[in-house]
C-alpha cells in the first residue's frame, strides 16, 4: 500500500500536537489523524524468557527510548513491539507499545544458525510494526535495535530532507557498555541494526504481503505473508538497505555521527566490542545521544590519554578505507 503523495515540507517545522495523557498500551493511532507523523522509529523487545537478565534488557531499552525521544519534534513516534509491556519510567505520548501474545521463540529442527529463531522472532515483530504503521501513516520509518542509541539530529535532518529516498548511517560509534567507553568508526551500516531510514512505502514495496495482513496479525499470518528468509536476513542480518538499493532507492548517508552500536552489556546476540580500549564517556558524547542527564554518573574525570585518542583516530581513518573497500567489492559483484 502506497500512501498518497505528500508535498515537500522544506523550511517548515513539523505540526504541533496537543499534549495528552499516555494512551493505553497497544493503541498507536495518532491523537489527530489529520496531522502528519513525519518519522516513526520501530523496535522489537525480546521475550523475557529468552534473556539472561531481563532487567538489564529493559535498562538498555530505556536508554534507546531516551535517545530517540531526545529530539523534541512532535512529528515522531517510537513503536516498541513486545511480549509484555515494560515499565520504563518514561512519560511521553510519542512512545507507543504494541504487545503481542506470542510464545518465546525456540530453535527449529535442522536450524543451521544458532540464533536463527531469535532473528526470525525479531523479523516477525518488526514486520508487525510495519503493518501497524499503516494506522499512523508516517513519511519515514527508522528501524532501531532495542539497545542502540540514535542521535537527536536524525529526526531534524530527515525533516529537512524529505525528498530523499532514505538514509543510512556511515559515521557512528562503537560503545563498550561494560567499560563505559566509545570509539569513532565508519561503515556502521555493515555491523549495526540501527542504521537505516526510508519512506514507509519503501518498506511496503519490500513486503507486499504485509498490506493483506489483518490489523493484529498472528505469527502464522505473518509467516504466510512474508518469506522466512526475509524475516531472518532482512531484519536480522541488516540487508534491508541493500534490498532497497536493488529496488532503485538511493539512500544517502547521514553527514554526521548518527548512531551508536552498544555492546558488552550481557545480552548482545550478534557482537561484542573488541579489546582495544576506547575513549571514556564525555558530556559532549552523551549529549549527542540525549543521555547526558541519564548517564551523568558514567562521565569520566579525564578525557583519555593522548595515545588512546591517537589510536582511536587512526582506527577511524582505517575503518573509512575498509568501508570503501567493502562497498567496491559489493558493487563489483553486481
Protein backbone atom coordinates (compact mmCIF):
# COMPACT_ATOMS: atom_id res chain seq x y z
CA UNK A 1 0.00 0.00 0.00
CA UNK A 2 1.49 3.30 -1.07
CA UNK A 3 0.38 6.41 0.77
CA UNK A 4 -0.86 9.43 -1.11
CA UNK A 5 1.82 11.77 -2.42
CA UNK A 6 2.72 14.48 0.01
CA UNK A 7 4.02 17.94 -0.69
CA UNK A 8 7.59 18.53 0.46
CA UNK A 9 7.75 20.36 3.76
CA UNK A 10 11.04 22.15 3.32
CA UNK A 11 11.53 25.19 5.50
CA UNK A 12 8.53 24.49 7.73
CA UNK A 13 8.53 22.97 11.17
CA UNK A 14 6.54 19.80 11.86
CA UNK A 15 2.95 20.43 13.03
CA UNK A 16 2.47 20.58 16.79
CA UNK A 17 0.35 18.01 18.56
CA UNK A 18 -1.56 18.83 21.71
CA UNK A 19 -0.22 17.18 24.81
CA UNK A 20 -2.37 14.47 26.33
CA UNK A 21 -2.03 11.55 28.76
CA UNK A 22 -0.18 8.48 27.51
CA UNK A 23 -2.52 6.21 25.52
CA UNK A 24 -3.27 2.68 26.62
CA UNK A 25 -0.73 0.02 25.58
CA UNK A 26 -1.32 -1.17 22.04
CA UNK A 27 -3.10 1.98 20.89
CA UNK A 28 -0.77 3.54 18.36
CA UNK A 29 -3.29 5.65 16.49
CA UNK A 30 -2.32 9.35 16.37
CA UNK A 31 -4.28 11.71 18.57
CA UNK A 32 -5.05 13.86 15.49
CA UNK A 33 -5.08 11.67 12.33
CA UNK A 34 -5.14 14.74 10.09
CA UNK A 35 -1.65 15.74 11.22
CA UNK A 36 1.39 14.14 9.62
CA UNK A 37 3.67 11.81 11.56
CA UNK A 38 6.98 12.60 9.91
CA UNK A 39 9.05 9.66 11.20
CA UNK A 40 8.29 6.52 13.18
CA UNK A 41 11.07 4.58 14.88
CA UNK A 42 10.26 0.89 15.32
CA UNK A 43 12.00 -1.64 17.55
CA UNK A 44 11.39 -5.12 18.95
CA UNK A 45 11.87 -6.24 22.54
CA UNK A 46 12.98 -9.80 23.19
CA UNK A 47 10.75 -12.22 25.05
CA UNK A 48 11.57 -12.15 28.79
CA UNK A 49 12.27 -15.90 28.80
CA UNK A 50 14.96 -15.56 26.10
CA UNK A 51 17.13 -13.16 28.12
CA UNK A 52 19.56 -13.97 30.91
CA UNK A 53 18.80 -10.68 32.65
CA UNK A 54 15.51 -9.09 31.63
CA UNK A 55 16.03 -6.05 33.85
CA UNK A 56 19.30 -5.32 32.06
CA UNK A 57 17.43 -5.64 28.75
CA UNK A 58 14.89 -3.06 29.94
CA UNK A 59 17.69 -0.73 31.06
CA UNK A 60 19.10 -0.84 27.54
CA UNK A 61 15.64 -0.23 26.05
CA UNK A 62 15.13 2.78 28.31
CA UNK A 63 18.38 4.32 27.06
CA UNK A 64 17.36 3.62 23.45
CA UNK A 65 13.97 5.29 24.01
CA UNK A 66 15.52 8.31 25.72
CA UNK A 67 17.96 8.79 22.85
CA UNK A 68 15.22 8.56 20.20
CA UNK A 69 12.89 10.86 22.13
CA UNK A 70 15.64 13.38 22.88
CA UNK A 71 14.56 15.19 19.72
CA UNK A 72 11.62 17.32 20.83
CA UNK A 73 9.84 17.45 17.45
CA UNK A 74 6.24 16.33 17.78
CA UNK A 75 6.21 14.58 14.41
CA UNK A 76 7.91 11.41 15.60
CA UNK A 77 6.78 8.15 17.19
CA UNK A 78 8.66 5.26 18.77
CA UNK A 79 6.77 1.95 18.48
CA UNK A 80 8.00 -0.95 20.64
CA UNK A 81 6.68 -4.41 19.78
CA UNK A 82 6.91 -6.53 22.93
CA UNK A 83 5.51 -9.65 24.58
CA UNK A 84 4.87 -7.78 27.83
CA UNK A 85 4.50 -4.02 28.18
CA UNK A 86 7.57 -2.89 30.15
CA UNK A 87 7.71 -0.16 32.76
CA UNK A 88 10.45 2.20 31.58
CA UNK A 89 9.59 5.23 33.71
CA UNK A 90 9.21 7.40 30.60
CA UNK A 91 6.15 9.63 30.23
CA UNK A 92 5.95 10.71 26.60
CA UNK A 93 2.92 10.37 24.35
CA UNK A 94 5.21 9.71 21.38
CA UNK A 95 6.22 6.34 22.91
CA UNK A 96 3.81 3.53 21.95
CA UNK A 97 3.84 -0.12 22.99
CA UNK A 98 2.42 -2.85 20.79
CA UNK A 99 2.13 -6.08 22.82
CA UNK A 100 1.85 -9.44 21.05
CA UNK A 101 0.70 -12.67 22.80
CA UNK A 102 3.40 -14.81 21.22
CA UNK A 103 5.35 -17.63 22.89
CA UNK A 104 9.13 -17.40 23.29
CA UNK A 105 10.96 -18.41 20.09
CA UNK A 106 12.52 -21.87 20.07
CA UNK A 107 15.10 -23.42 17.73
CA UNK A 108 13.56 -25.42 14.89
CA UNK A 109 14.70 -28.86 13.81
CA UNK A 110 17.59 -28.63 11.38
CA UNK A 111 18.23 -24.97 12.17
CA UNK A 112 21.65 -24.06 10.75
CA UNK A 113 22.42 -20.88 12.69
CA UNK A 114 22.33 -20.85 16.47
CA UNK A 115 20.32 -17.63 16.66
CA UNK A 116 18.05 -18.02 13.63
CA UNK A 117 14.92 -18.43 15.77
CA UNK A 118 15.68 -15.17 17.57
CA UNK A 119 16.34 -13.38 14.28
CA UNK A 120 13.02 -14.61 12.91
CA UNK A 121 11.23 -13.51 16.08
CA UNK A 122 12.77 -10.08 15.62
CA UNK A 123 11.73 -10.05 11.97
CA UNK A 124 8.16 -11.02 12.85
CA UNK A 125 7.89 -8.26 15.43
CA UNK A 126 9.32 -5.60 13.14
CA UNK A 127 7.01 -6.76 10.35
CA UNK A 128 4.12 -6.40 12.78
CA UNK A 129 5.33 -2.87 13.49
CA UNK A 130 5.43 -2.08 9.75
CA UNK A 131 1.84 -3.30 9.47
CA UNK A 132 0.82 -1.21 12.48
CA UNK A 133 2.44 1.86 10.92
CA UNK A 134 -0.42 1.86 8.44
CA UNK A 135 -2.58 3.35 11.21
CA UNK A 136 -0.02 6.13 11.80
CA UNK A 137 0.91 6.62 8.12
CA UNK A 138 4.41 8.03 8.71
CA UNK A 139 6.50 9.57 5.98
CA UNK A 140 9.63 7.70 7.10
CA UNK A 141 10.37 4.58 9.16
CA UNK A 142 13.64 4.14 11.06
CA UNK A 143 14.43 0.64 12.35
CA UNK A 144 16.39 0.68 15.61
CA UNK A 145 17.64 -2.16 17.82
CA UNK A 146 16.40 -2.06 21.40
CA UNK A 147 19.86 -1.47 22.84
CA UNK A 148 21.36 1.10 20.45
CA UNK A 149 21.34 4.91 20.57
CA UNK A 150 20.29 7.37 17.89
CA UNK A 151 21.47 10.95 17.58
CA UNK A 152 18.90 13.65 18.29
CA UNK A 153 19.92 15.28 14.99
CA UNK A 154 18.50 12.42 12.92
CA UNK A 155 14.84 13.45 13.11
CA UNK A 156 15.57 17.09 12.34
CA UNK A 157 17.78 16.12 9.39
CA UNK A 158 15.12 13.83 7.91
CA UNK A 159 12.52 16.59 8.37
CA UNK A 160 14.71 18.96 6.34
CA UNK A 161 15.39 16.40 3.57
CA UNK A 162 12.05 14.75 2.94
CA UNK A 163 12.57 14.42 -0.82
CA UNK A 164 15.30 11.80 -0.38
CA UNK A 165 14.82 8.06 -0.92
CA UNK A 166 16.17 7.35 2.54
CA UNK A 167 19.30 7.48 4.68
CA UNK A 168 21.89 5.20 6.21
CA UNK A 169 24.49 5.55 8.97
CA UNK A 170 28.11 5.63 7.86
CA UNK A 171 29.73 7.56 10.72
CA UNK A 172 28.88 6.22 14.16
CA UNK A 173 30.21 4.88 17.42
CA UNK A 174 31.03 1.51 18.93
CA UNK A 175 30.10 1.62 22.62
CA UNK A 176 31.55 -0.75 25.21
CA UNK A 177 28.87 -0.56 27.88
CA UNK A 178 30.88 -2.56 30.41
CA UNK A 179 33.84 -0.16 30.24
CA UNK A 180 31.75 2.97 29.51
CA UNK A 181 33.95 3.80 26.53
CA UNK A 182 33.29 4.55 22.86
CA UNK A 183 35.11 4.54 19.54
CA UNK A 184 34.55 6.54 16.37
CA UNK A 185 34.06 4.32 13.33
CA UNK A 186 32.80 4.46 9.76
CA UNK A 187 30.80 1.84 7.91
CA UNK A 188 28.46 1.29 10.86
CA UNK A 189 25.86 0.12 8.33
CA UNK A 190 27.74 -3.17 7.97
CA UNK A 191 27.61 -4.01 11.68
CA UNK A 192 24.68 -2.39 13.43
CA UNK A 193 20.92 -2.86 13.01
CA UNK A 194 20.08 0.77 13.81
CA UNK A 195 21.45 2.29 10.65
CA UNK A 196 18.77 2.86 8.03
CA UNK A 197 15.72 5.03 7.50
CA UNK A 198 13.44 5.01 4.44
CA UNK A 199 9.97 6.15 3.35
CA UNK A 200 7.21 3.96 4.73
CA UNK A 201 6.04 2.91 1.26
CA UNK A 202 9.55 1.60 0.50
CA UNK A 203 9.16 -1.00 3.26
CA UNK A 204 5.71 -1.87 1.87
CA UNK A 205 7.31 -2.43 -1.55
CA UNK A 206 9.78 -4.90 0.01
CA UNK A 207 6.97 -6.66 1.90
CA UNK A 208 3.96 -6.60 -0.45
CA UNK A 209 2.16 -9.29 1.55
CA UNK A 210 2.09 -7.10 4.66
CA UNK A 211 -0.73 -4.96 3.27
CA UNK A 212 -3.00 -8.02 3.20
CA UNK A 213 -2.47 -8.82 6.89
CA UNK A 214 -5.16 -8.11 9.46
CA UNK A 215 -4.84 -5.32 12.00
CA UNK A 216 -3.48 -7.69 14.66
CA UNK A 217 -1.75 -10.46 12.69
CA UNK A 218 -0.52 -13.57 14.43
CA UNK A 219 2.71 -15.44 13.80
CA UNK A 220 1.23 -17.80 11.21
CA UNK A 221 -0.43 -14.97 9.29
CA UNK A 222 2.84 -13.04 9.12
CA UNK A 223 4.80 -16.15 8.13
CA UNK A 224 2.33 -16.77 5.31
CA UNK A 225 2.64 -13.18 4.07
CA UNK A 226 6.41 -12.73 4.33
CA UNK A 227 9.12 -15.22 3.24
CA UNK A 228 11.05 -16.66 6.17
CA UNK A 229 14.34 -15.79 4.51
CA UNK A 230 13.33 -12.13 4.51
CA UNK A 231 12.26 -12.31 8.17
CA UNK A 232 15.64 -13.70 9.16
CA UNK A 233 18.02 -11.97 6.76
CA UNK A 234 16.17 -8.74 6.02
CA UNK A 235 15.90 -7.52 9.59
CA UNK A 236 18.24 -9.94 11.36
CA UNK A 237 21.24 -9.64 9.02
CA UNK A 238 20.70 -5.94 8.25
CA UNK A 239 20.30 -6.47 4.48
CA UNK A 240 17.32 -4.16 4.00
CA UNK A 241 19.47 -1.20 2.82
CA UNK A 242 20.88 -3.42 0.04
CA UNK A 243 17.37 -4.62 -0.88
CA UNK A 244 16.19 -1.02 -1.05
CA UNK A 245 19.04 -0.19 -3.41
CA UNK A 246 18.05 -3.16 -5.59
CA UNK A 247 14.57 -1.59 -5.78
CA UNK A 248 16.08 1.65 -7.07
CA UNK A 249 16.14 3.57 -3.78
CA UNK A 250 19.24 5.74 -3.48
CA UNK A 251 19.88 6.01 0.24
CA UNK A 252 22.13 8.88 1.33
CA UNK A 253 24.50 8.80 4.32
CA UNK A 254 23.74 10.97 7.32
CA UNK A 255 26.52 13.60 7.23
CA UNK A 256 27.26 13.27 10.95
CA UNK A 257 27.73 10.66 13.69
CA UNK A 258 24.16 9.35 13.73
CA UNK A 259 24.04 6.16 15.80
CA UNK A 260 25.86 4.15 18.44
CA UNK A 261 26.16 0.37 18.41
CA UNK A 262 26.04 -0.60 22.09
CA UNK A 263 27.82 -3.83 23.02
CA UNK A 264 29.11 -5.73 26.05
CA UNK A 265 26.01 -5.32 28.19
CA UNK A 266 25.44 -9.06 28.61
CA UNK A 267 22.50 -9.50 26.21
CA UNK A 268 24.13 -8.96 22.80
CA UNK A 269 23.36 -11.62 20.24
CA UNK A 270 25.46 -10.53 17.28
CA UNK A 271 28.53 -8.73 18.52
CA UNK A 272 30.97 -7.89 21.28
CA UNK A 273 33.23 -4.89 21.42
CA UNK A 274 36.85 -5.63 20.55
CA UNK A 275 39.61 -5.49 23.11
CA UNK A 276 41.10 -2.11 22.17
CA UNK A 277 40.26 0.48 24.77
CA UNK A 278 38.24 3.43 23.55
CA UNK A 279 37.55 6.97 24.70
CA UNK A 280 35.82 7.34 28.09
CA UNK A 281 32.28 8.73 28.12
CA UNK A 282 32.28 12.53 27.96
CA UNK A 283 29.49 15.14 28.30
CA UNK A 284 29.79 16.00 24.59
CA UNK A 285 29.49 12.37 23.53
CA UNK A 286 26.46 11.64 25.73
CA UNK A 287 24.79 14.90 24.72
CA UNK A 288 24.93 13.77 21.10
CA UNK A 289 22.54 10.96 22.06
CA UNK A 290 20.45 12.87 24.58
CA UNK A 291 21.81 10.85 27.51
CA UNK A 292 23.92 13.43 29.34
CA UNK A 293 21.49 13.55 32.29
CA UNK A 294 20.63 9.85 32.42
CA UNK A 295 24.28 8.76 32.33
CA UNK A 296 25.93 11.70 34.08
CA UNK A 297 27.41 9.37 36.71
CA UNK A 298 29.33 7.50 33.99
CA UNK A 299 31.25 10.54 32.73
CA UNK A 300 34.97 10.08 33.22
CA UNK A 301 37.04 12.66 35.05
CA UNK A 302 39.63 12.59 32.27
CA UNK A 303 39.13 12.52 28.52
CA UNK A 304 41.64 9.72 27.90
CA UNK A 305 45.34 9.69 27.17
CA UNK A 306 46.82 11.23 24.05
CA UNK A 307 47.84 7.73 22.98
CA UNK A 308 44.25 6.43 23.31
CA UNK A 309 42.83 9.33 21.30
CA UNK A 310 45.50 8.98 18.61
CA UNK A 311 44.90 5.24 18.23
CA UNK A 312 41.14 5.73 18.01
CA UNK A 313 41.55 8.44 15.37
CA UNK A 314 43.88 6.24 13.33
CA UNK A 315 41.43 3.34 13.50
CA UNK A 316 38.62 5.68 12.45
CA UNK A 317 40.52 6.53 9.26
CA UNK A 318 41.25 2.83 8.72
CA UNK A 319 37.54 1.99 9.09
CA UNK A 320 36.81 4.57 6.39
CA UNK A 321 39.14 2.80 3.96
CA UNK A 322 37.76 -0.62 4.94
CA UNK A 323 34.17 0.55 4.35
CA UNK A 324 35.08 1.98 0.93
CA UNK A 325 36.75 -1.32 0.01
CA UNK A 326 33.73 -3.38 1.10
CA UNK A 327 31.40 -1.17 -0.96
CA UNK A 328 33.65 -1.51 -4.02
CA UNK A 329 33.69 -5.31 -3.68
CA UNK A 330 29.89 -5.45 -3.40
CA UNK A 331 29.44 -3.22 -6.44
CA UNK A 332 31.93 -5.23 -8.48
CA UNK A 333 29.87 -8.39 -7.90
CA UNK A 334 26.74 -6.81 -9.40
